[in-house]
Amino acid sequence: MTFDIGRERDDIDRIAADSWYSKGANAAMVRYCAQIWRRVWRGTSCLELGPAEGLMTASLAEVFPDLTIVEGSSTFCAELSRRYPTAKVICSLFEEFRPRRQFDAIVMGHVLEMSQTHVLCCPLPAIGLPMALSSTPPYPMPDRFTGKLP
């Protein structure tokens, strides 16, 4: 499959228009994970990738005075900018984002499965990670809107 940046943006906007990330059990899980992870977060700078409504962002903003947020949905970005005025919010797809600095912590959850490529396509060594991350599963991924297998 070839990567279609326009389709990716359309998909993210469609998800943002009817997002369920901040509802029910998922919201409770994300908040609980933040409580666990905040025990090991260190440093002053953090890069958060794909926060959607920003459930984890609330905890990150309390711990990291230098918070950079990368989100593909302009809808989510507008709300994140309003709620976290001291954070740097970048409206970008991961496939287009190119960090220009290192961060003490990098946080993402439930984001790679949303990419058409299933690969985090930024140069991770440039931001302090020694390896690239991929969520390519050992099984076919269902289409995220129809649920049908390829």
Protein backbone atom coordinates (compact mmCIF):
# COMPACT_ATOMS: atom_id res chain seq x y z
CA MET A 1 0.00 0.00 0.00
CA THR A 2 1.33 3.44 -0.87
CA PHE A 3 1.08 6.21 1.67
CA ASP A 4 -1.53 8.87 0.87
CA ILE A 5 -0.99 11.95 3.06
CA GLY A 6 -4.37 13.40 2.09
CA ARG A 7 -6.17 10.22 3.08
CA GLU A 8 -4.28 10.14 6.37
CA ARG A 9 -5.37 13.70 7.18
CA ASP A 10 -8.97 12.92 6.20
CA ASP A 11 -8.94 9.81 8.41
CA ILE A 12 -7.63 11.74 11.41
CA ASP A 13 -10.18 14.51 10.94
CA ARG A 14 -12.97 11.90 10.72
CA ILE A 15 -11.75 10.29 13.96
CA ALA A 16 -11.58 13.68 15.70
CA ALA A 17 -15.14 14.53 14.65
CA ASP A 18 -16.47 11.52 16.58
CA SER A 19 -13.70 10.55 18.96
CA TRP A 20 -14.31 8.04 21.71
CA TYR A 21 -10.81 8.17 23.21
CA SER A 22 -11.90 10.24 26.21
CA LYS A 23 -14.95 8.11 26.98
CA GLY A 24 -15.52 5.14 29.23
CA ALA A 25 -12.93 2.51 29.99
CA ASN A 26 -10.28 3.94 27.66
CA ALA A 27 -10.30 7.27 29.54
CA ALA A 28 -9.92 5.47 32.87
CA MET A 29 -7.09 3.33 31.47
CA VAL A 30 -5.14 6.32 30.12
CA ARG A 31 -5.45 8.22 33.40
CA TYR A 32 -4.37 5.15 35.35
CA CYS A 33 -1.37 4.65 33.06
CA ALA A 34 -0.39 8.28 33.63
CA GLN A 35 -0.39 7.67 37.39
CA ILE A 36 1.90 4.69 36.96
CA TRP A 37 4.25 6.30 34.44
CA ARG A 38 4.63 9.60 36.28
CA ARG A 39 6.64 7.69 38.92
CA VAL A 40 9.43 7.17 36.38
CA TRP A 41 9.21 10.29 34.21
CA ARG A 42 12.42 12.33 34.57
CA GLY A 43 13.74 15.61 33.26
CA THR A 44 12.02 18.80 32.21
CA SER A 45 11.22 18.27 28.52
CA CYS A 46 8.69 15.90 26.97
CA LEU A 47 7.46 15.13 23.48
CA GLU A 48 3.93 13.74 23.37
CA LEU A 49 2.89 12.12 20.10
CA GLY A 50 -0.78 11.79 19.17
CA PRO A 51 -2.60 12.82 22.35
CA ALA A 52 -6.08 13.18 20.76
CA GLU A 53 -8.17 14.88 23.46
CA GLY A 54 -5.16 15.08 25.79
CA LEU A 55 -6.03 12.66 28.57
CA MET A 56 -2.35 11.89 29.23
CA THR A 57 -1.42 15.51 28.48
CA ALA A 58 -2.94 16.72 31.73
CA SER A 59 -0.42 14.66 33.74
CA LEU A 60 2.44 15.51 31.41
CA ALA A 61 1.77 19.24 31.80
CA GLU A 62 2.03 18.88 35.59
CA VAL A 63 5.40 17.09 35.40
CA PHE A 64 7.15 18.67 32.40
CA PRO A 65 7.44 22.46 32.17
CA ASP A 66 8.75 22.08 28.58
CA LEU A 67 6.02 20.11 26.77
CA THR A 68 5.83 19.68 22.99
CA ILE A 69 2.71 18.04 21.56
CA VAL A 70 2.46 16.62 18.03
CA GLU A 71 -1.08 15.88 16.88
CA GLY A 72 -2.41 15.29 13.36
CA SER A 73 -5.93 16.65 13.90
CA SER A 74 -6.42 20.41 13.68
CA THR A 75 -9.57 19.96 15.81
CA PHE A 76 -7.59 18.33 18.62
CA CYS A 77 -4.72 20.83 18.20
CA ALA A 78 -7.01 23.82 18.70
CA GLU A 79 -8.41 22.34 21.91
CA LEU A 80 -4.96 21.30 23.19
CA SER A 81 -3.60 24.80 22.55
CA ARG A 82 -6.48 26.29 24.51
CA ARG A 83 -6.16 23.88 27.45
CA TYR A 84 -2.33 23.90 27.61
CA PRO A 85 -1.22 27.42 26.65
CA THR A 86 2.38 26.90 27.80
CA ALA A 87 2.84 23.77 25.68
CA LYS A 88 4.13 23.94 22.12
CA VAL A 89 1.40 22.31 20.01
CA ILE A 90 2.44 21.20 16.52
CA CYS A 91 -0.28 20.14 14.09
CA SER A 92 1.51 17.51 12.03
CA LEU A 93 1.31 13.89 10.97
CA PHE A 94 4.11 11.72 12.35
CA GLU A 95 5.19 11.01 8.79
CA GLU A 96 5.89 14.73 8.30
CA PHE A 97 7.17 15.70 11.76
CA ARG A 98 10.92 16.26 12.05
CA PRO A 99 12.10 17.10 15.57
CA ARG A 100 14.92 19.62 15.82
CA ARG A 101 15.99 18.77 19.36
CA GLN A 102 16.19 16.04 21.98
CA PHE A 103 13.65 15.43 24.75
CA ASP A 104 14.02 13.90 28.19
CA ALA A 105 10.86 11.84 27.67
CA ILE A 106 8.77 10.76 24.70
CA VAL A 107 5.22 9.58 25.34
CA MET A 108 2.74 8.01 22.93
CA GLY A 109 -0.04 5.51 23.24
CA HIS A 110 -2.48 4.00 20.76
CA VAL A 111 -1.01 5.98 17.91
CA LEU A 112 0.94 3.69 15.60
CA GLU A 113 -2.12 1.61 14.77
CA MET A 114 -3.70 4.79 13.42
CA SER A 115 -0.99 5.30 10.80
CA GLN A 116 -1.39 3.88 7.31
CA THR A 117 2.30 2.94 7.40
CA HIS A 118 2.24 1.48 10.95
CA VAL A 119 5.69 2.97 11.43
CA LEU A 120 6.81 6.00 13.37
CA CYS A 121 8.58 7.80 10.56
CA CYS A 122 10.61 10.44 12.36
CA PRO A 123 14.36 10.15 12.93
CA LEU A 124 14.26 8.88 16.50
CA PRO A 125 18.03 8.99 17.09
CA ALA A 126 17.73 12.77 16.62
CA ILE A 127 15.44 12.96 19.65
CA GLY A 128 17.37 10.65 21.90
CA LEU A 129 16.06 7.17 21.11
CA PRO A 130 18.49 4.56 19.82
CA MET A 131 15.98 2.73 17.62
CA ALA A 132 12.95 3.13 15.42
CA LEU A 133 9.56 1.91 16.55
CA SER A 134 7.14 -0.09 14.46
CA SER A 135 3.72 -1.44 15.23
CA THR A 136 3.58 -3.69 12.19
CA PRO A 137 1.73 -6.66 13.64
CA PRO A 138 2.35 -10.30 12.74
CA TYR A 139 -1.23 -10.43 11.44
CA PRO A 140 -3.31 -8.34 9.00
CA MET A 141 -4.65 -5.11 10.47
CA PRO A 142 -8.37 -4.50 9.90
CA ASP A 143 -9.38 -1.30 8.15
CA ARG A 144 -9.90 1.21 10.95
CA PHE A 145 -13.35 2.30 9.72
CA THR A 146 -14.95 -0.79 8.22
CA GLY A 147 -13.30 -3.46 10.37
CA LYS A 148 -12.64 -5.54 7.24
CA LEU A 149 -9.33 -7.32 6.79
CA PRO A 150 -7.25 -6.41 3.74
